Each structure stands twice: as C-alpha cells, then as structure tokens.
C-alpha cells in the first residue's frame, strides 16, 4: 500500500507530542499490513469529512485519510477528536 501525506498533515504531525507521533508510526505500520485491524477502529466519516475515514491513534487522537485508489491512501489530518469534529 502506498501512503501519502498532505502538507497540512505533515505540519500538524510535527506539532503533536512526541508520544503521539510514536503511536501514529506504530498504528501506521499496523494500518499498512491490515487496514481494518480492530485496534485501529477504522471507520467512515460523515459531515465535513464525508468520503474520508478515520483511525484511532490514542485515546483522543485520530488520523483522517482518504482512499485515492485501491492501493493508495492520503492522510489529510491528525488531531484530537474534539478539534477534528467541532
């Protein structure tokens, strides 16, 4: 699977705590091998993120991505649940 990162994702990724970055990297490894692993809580979104999906990074942090093709995903945002969905 090819994973792309939007520029705004990369910017926010640098701003999140180091612990969250480490957890994201672990979850990304799981995501690449098994995108619908229960640990990720991978689910479709609606509202302003309609057409996108979210994975759980930690108790409160989520990463949002969109499916570009059968073998490519594009991560577009990472933040706390409250900040993403207000």
N, C-alpha and C. Protein backbone atom coordinates (compact mmCIF):
# COMPACT_ATOMS: atom_id res chain seq x y z
N UNK A 1 0.84 -1.18 0.00
CA UNK A 1 0.00 0.00 0.00
C UNK A 1 0.89 1.25 0.00
N UNK A 2 0.53 2.19 -0.84
CA UNK A 2 1.25 3.45 -0.91
C UNK A 2 0.53 4.46 0.00
N UNK A 3 1.30 5.12 0.85
CA UNK A 3 0.74 6.09 1.80
C UNK A 3 1.31 7.47 1.49
N UNK A 4 0.40 8.41 1.26
CA UNK A 4 0.78 9.80 1.01
C UNK A 4 0.35 10.67 2.18
N UNK A 5 1.04 11.79 2.38
CA UNK A 5 0.71 12.70 3.46
C UNK A 5 0.52 14.11 2.90
N UNK A 6 -0.64 14.69 3.19
CA UNK A 6 -0.92 16.06 2.77
C UNK A 6 0.02 17.00 3.54
N UNK A 7 0.34 18.11 2.96
CA UNK A 7 1.24 19.07 3.59
C UNK A 7 0.71 19.54 4.94
N UNK A 8 -0.60 19.75 5.05
CA UNK A 8 -1.18 20.18 6.32
C UNK A 8 -1.08 19.06 7.37
N UNK A 9 -1.17 17.80 6.94
CA UNK A 9 -0.98 16.68 7.86
C UNK A 9 0.45 16.71 8.40
N UNK A 10 1.41 16.88 7.51
CA UNK A 10 2.81 16.90 7.93
C UNK A 10 3.08 18.02 8.92
N UNK A 11 2.47 19.17 8.69
CA UNK A 11 2.65 20.32 9.58
C UNK A 11 2.07 20.02 10.96
N UNK A 12 0.87 19.48 11.01
CA UNK A 12 0.25 19.15 12.29
C UNK A 12 0.99 18.01 12.99
N UNK A 13 1.46 17.05 12.21
CA UNK A 13 2.20 15.92 12.77
C UNK A 13 3.41 16.42 13.56
N UNK A 14 4.08 17.42 13.06
CA UNK A 14 5.25 17.97 13.74
C UNK A 14 4.88 18.68 15.04
N UNK A 15 3.61 19.10 15.17
CA UNK A 15 3.16 19.86 16.34
C UNK A 15 2.60 18.97 17.45
N UNK A 16 2.23 17.73 17.13
CA UNK A 16 1.68 16.86 18.16
C UNK A 16 2.80 16.36 19.06
N UNK A 17 2.47 15.97 20.29
CA UNK A 17 3.51 15.47 21.20
C UNK A 17 4.27 14.27 20.61
N UNK A 18 5.52 14.14 21.01
CA UNK A 18 6.38 13.07 20.51
C UNK A 18 5.73 11.70 20.76
N UNK A 19 5.10 11.53 21.90
CA UNK A 19 4.44 10.26 22.23
C UNK A 19 3.38 9.92 21.18
N UNK A 20 2.63 10.91 20.73
CA UNK A 20 1.57 10.70 19.74
C UNK A 20 2.20 10.36 18.39
N UNK A 21 3.30 11.01 18.04
CA UNK A 21 3.99 10.69 16.78
C UNK A 21 4.46 9.23 16.79
N UNK A 22 4.99 8.81 17.91
CA UNK A 22 5.44 7.42 18.05
C UNK A 22 4.25 6.47 17.89
N UNK A 23 3.13 6.80 18.54
CA UNK A 23 1.94 5.95 18.45
C UNK A 23 1.40 5.93 17.02
N UNK A 24 1.42 7.09 16.34
CA UNK A 24 0.96 7.12 14.96
C UNK A 24 1.81 6.19 14.09
N UNK A 25 3.12 6.25 14.26
CA UNK A 25 4.01 5.40 13.47
C UNK A 25 3.72 3.91 13.71
N UNK A 26 3.44 3.55 14.97
CA UNK A 26 3.07 2.17 15.27
C UNK A 26 1.76 1.79 14.58
N UNK A 27 0.77 2.69 14.66
CA UNK A 27 -0.54 2.42 14.06
C UNK A 27 -0.43 2.38 12.54
N UNK A 28 0.42 3.21 11.98
CA UNK A 28 0.60 3.21 10.53
C UNK A 28 1.16 1.87 10.06
N UNK A 29 2.09 1.32 10.82
CA UNK A 29 2.65 0.01 10.50
C UNK A 29 1.54 -1.05 10.48
N UNK A 30 0.66 -1.01 11.48
CA UNK A 30 -0.48 -1.94 11.53
C UNK A 30 -1.41 -1.68 10.35
N UNK A 31 -1.70 -0.39 10.09
CA UNK A 31 -2.62 0.01 9.02
C UNK A 31 -2.16 -0.51 7.66
N UNK A 32 -0.88 -0.40 7.39
CA UNK A 32 -0.35 -0.82 6.09
C UNK A 32 -0.53 -2.33 5.89
N UNK A 33 -0.35 -3.11 6.94
CA UNK A 33 -0.48 -4.56 6.79
C UNK A 33 -1.91 -5.05 6.94
N UNK A 34 -2.72 -4.34 7.75
CA UNK A 34 -4.09 -4.76 7.99
C UNK A 34 -4.96 -3.53 8.29
N UNK A 35 -5.46 -2.84 7.26
CA UNK A 35 -6.17 -1.57 7.45
C UNK A 35 -7.40 -1.63 8.37
N UNK A 36 -8.01 -2.79 8.49
CA UNK A 36 -9.22 -2.87 9.31
C UNK A 36 -8.99 -3.66 10.60
N UNK A 37 -7.77 -3.64 11.09
CA UNK A 37 -7.44 -4.24 12.37
C UNK A 37 -8.30 -3.57 13.45
N UNK A 38 -8.86 -4.36 14.36
CA UNK A 38 -9.73 -3.82 15.41
C UNK A 38 -9.07 -2.71 16.22
N UNK A 39 -7.78 -2.81 16.42
CA UNK A 39 -7.03 -1.84 17.22
C UNK A 39 -7.12 -0.43 16.62
N UNK A 40 -7.35 -0.33 15.33
CA UNK A 40 -7.38 0.98 14.65
C UNK A 40 -8.74 1.65 14.72
N UNK A 41 -9.79 0.91 14.98
CA UNK A 41 -11.16 1.46 14.96
C UNK A 41 -11.41 2.23 13.66
N UNK A 42 -11.00 1.65 12.55
CA UNK A 42 -11.12 2.28 11.24
C UNK A 42 -12.61 2.41 10.88
N UNK A 43 -13.04 3.64 10.61
CA UNK A 43 -14.46 3.84 10.28
C UNK A 43 -14.65 5.02 9.32
N UNK A 44 -15.75 4.97 8.58
CA UNK A 44 -16.10 6.02 7.64
C UNK A 44 -16.60 7.24 8.40
N UNK A 45 -16.39 8.39 7.81
CA UNK A 45 -16.82 9.65 8.43
C UNK A 45 -17.94 10.29 7.62
N UNK A 46 -18.59 11.24 8.24
CA UNK A 46 -19.65 12.00 7.55
C UNK A 46 -19.47 13.47 7.89
N UNK A 47 -20.35 14.30 7.41
CA UNK A 47 -20.22 15.74 7.64
C UNK A 47 -19.12 16.33 6.80
N UNK A 48 -18.29 17.19 7.40
CA UNK A 48 -17.25 17.86 6.61
C UNK A 48 -16.18 16.89 6.10
N UNK A 49 -16.10 15.70 6.70
CA UNK A 49 -15.13 14.70 6.25
C UNK A 49 -15.80 13.55 5.50
N UNK A 50 -16.96 13.80 4.92
CA UNK A 50 -17.66 12.77 4.17
C UNK A 50 -16.75 12.23 3.06
N UNK A 51 -16.69 10.92 2.92
CA UNK A 51 -15.82 10.30 1.93
C UNK A 51 -14.46 9.94 2.48
N UNK A 52 -14.18 10.35 3.71
CA UNK A 52 -12.90 10.04 4.36
C UNK A 52 -13.13 8.98 5.43
N UNK A 53 -12.02 8.50 5.96
CA UNK A 53 -12.06 7.51 7.03
C UNK A 53 -11.13 7.96 8.15
N UNK A 54 -11.32 7.41 9.33
CA UNK A 54 -10.52 7.77 10.50
C UNK A 54 -9.97 6.53 11.16
N UNK A 55 -8.75 6.65 11.70
CA UNK A 55 -8.20 5.59 12.53
C UNK A 55 -7.83 6.17 13.89
N UNK A 56 -7.91 5.34 14.90
CA UNK A 56 -7.60 5.73 16.26
C UNK A 56 -6.08 5.67 16.48
N UNK A 57 -5.53 6.75 17.00
CA UNK A 57 -4.09 6.79 17.29
C UNK A 57 -3.86 6.55 18.77
N UNK A 58 -4.63 7.22 19.60
CA UNK A 58 -4.56 7.05 21.05
C UNK A 58 -5.98 7.25 21.57
N UNK A 59 -6.12 7.38 22.86
CA UNK A 59 -7.44 7.59 23.44
C UNK A 59 -8.19 8.75 22.81
N UNK A 60 -7.50 9.84 22.51
CA UNK A 60 -8.17 11.03 21.99
C UNK A 60 -7.72 11.44 20.59
N UNK A 61 -6.57 10.98 20.14
CA UNK A 61 -6.06 11.41 18.83
C UNK A 61 -6.54 10.51 17.71
N UNK A 62 -6.86 11.15 16.58
CA UNK A 62 -7.32 10.45 15.38
C UNK A 62 -6.51 10.93 14.19
N UNK A 63 -6.40 10.05 13.19
CA UNK A 63 -5.80 10.42 11.90
C UNK A 63 -6.85 10.19 10.84
N UNK A 64 -7.03 11.18 9.98
CA UNK A 64 -8.05 11.10 8.93
C UNK A 64 -7.36 10.91 7.59
N UNK A 65 -7.92 10.00 6.79
CA UNK A 65 -7.34 9.73 5.48
C UNK A 65 -8.45 9.53 4.46
N UNK A 66 -8.06 9.65 3.20
CA UNK A 66 -8.98 9.36 2.11
C UNK A 66 -8.34 8.30 1.23
N UNK A 67 -9.19 7.49 0.63
CA UNK A 67 -8.71 6.44 -0.27
C UNK A 67 -8.59 7.04 -1.67
N UNK A 68 -7.38 7.02 -2.20
CA UNK A 68 -7.12 7.58 -3.52
C UNK A 68 -7.36 6.52 -4.59
N UNK A 69 -6.87 5.33 -4.34
CA UNK A 69 -7.09 4.20 -5.25
C UNK A 69 -7.06 2.92 -4.41
N UNK A 70 -7.20 1.81 -5.06
CA UNK A 70 -7.21 0.54 -4.35
C UNK A 70 -5.93 0.31 -3.55
N UNK A 71 -4.84 0.90 -3.99
CA UNK A 71 -3.55 0.67 -3.33
C UNK A 71 -2.91 1.93 -2.75
N UNK A 72 -3.65 3.05 -2.73
CA UNK A 72 -3.08 4.32 -2.25
C UNK A 72 -4.05 5.03 -1.31
N UNK A 73 -3.51 5.51 -0.18
CA UNK A 73 -4.29 6.34 0.74
C UNK A 73 -3.55 7.65 0.97
N UNK A 74 -4.30 8.67 1.36
CA UNK A 74 -3.76 10.00 1.53
C UNK A 74 -4.19 10.51 2.91
N UNK A 75 -3.26 10.58 3.85
CA UNK A 75 -3.59 11.10 5.18
C UNK A 75 -3.68 12.62 5.10
N UNK A 76 -4.80 13.16 5.60
CA UNK A 76 -5.04 14.59 5.44
C UNK A 76 -5.07 15.37 6.75
N UNK A 77 -5.27 14.70 7.89
CA UNK A 77 -5.34 15.44 9.16
C UNK A 77 -5.03 14.52 10.32
N UNK A 78 -4.51 15.10 11.38
CA UNK A 78 -4.26 14.40 12.65
C UNK A 78 -4.48 15.42 13.75
N UNK A 79 -5.28 15.03 14.75
CA UNK A 79 -5.57 15.94 15.85
C UNK A 79 -6.41 15.20 16.89
N UNK A 80 -6.81 15.93 17.92
CA UNK A 80 -7.69 15.32 18.91
C UNK A 80 -9.09 15.20 18.33
N UNK A 81 -9.85 14.29 18.89
CA UNK A 81 -11.23 14.08 18.44
C UNK A 81 -12.01 15.39 18.51
N UNK A 82 -11.89 16.11 19.62
CA UNK A 82 -12.60 17.36 19.80
C UNK A 82 -12.26 18.42 18.77
N UNK A 83 -11.00 18.54 18.41
CA UNK A 83 -10.57 19.54 17.43
C UNK A 83 -10.99 19.17 16.01
N UNK A 84 -10.98 17.89 15.71
CA UNK A 84 -11.31 17.46 14.35
C UNK A 84 -12.80 17.59 14.03
N UNK A 85 -13.64 17.30 15.01
CA UNK A 85 -15.06 17.18 14.73
C UNK A 85 -15.93 18.30 15.31
N UNK A 86 -15.34 19.46 15.60
CA UNK A 86 -16.19 20.54 16.10
C UNK A 86 -16.89 21.26 14.99
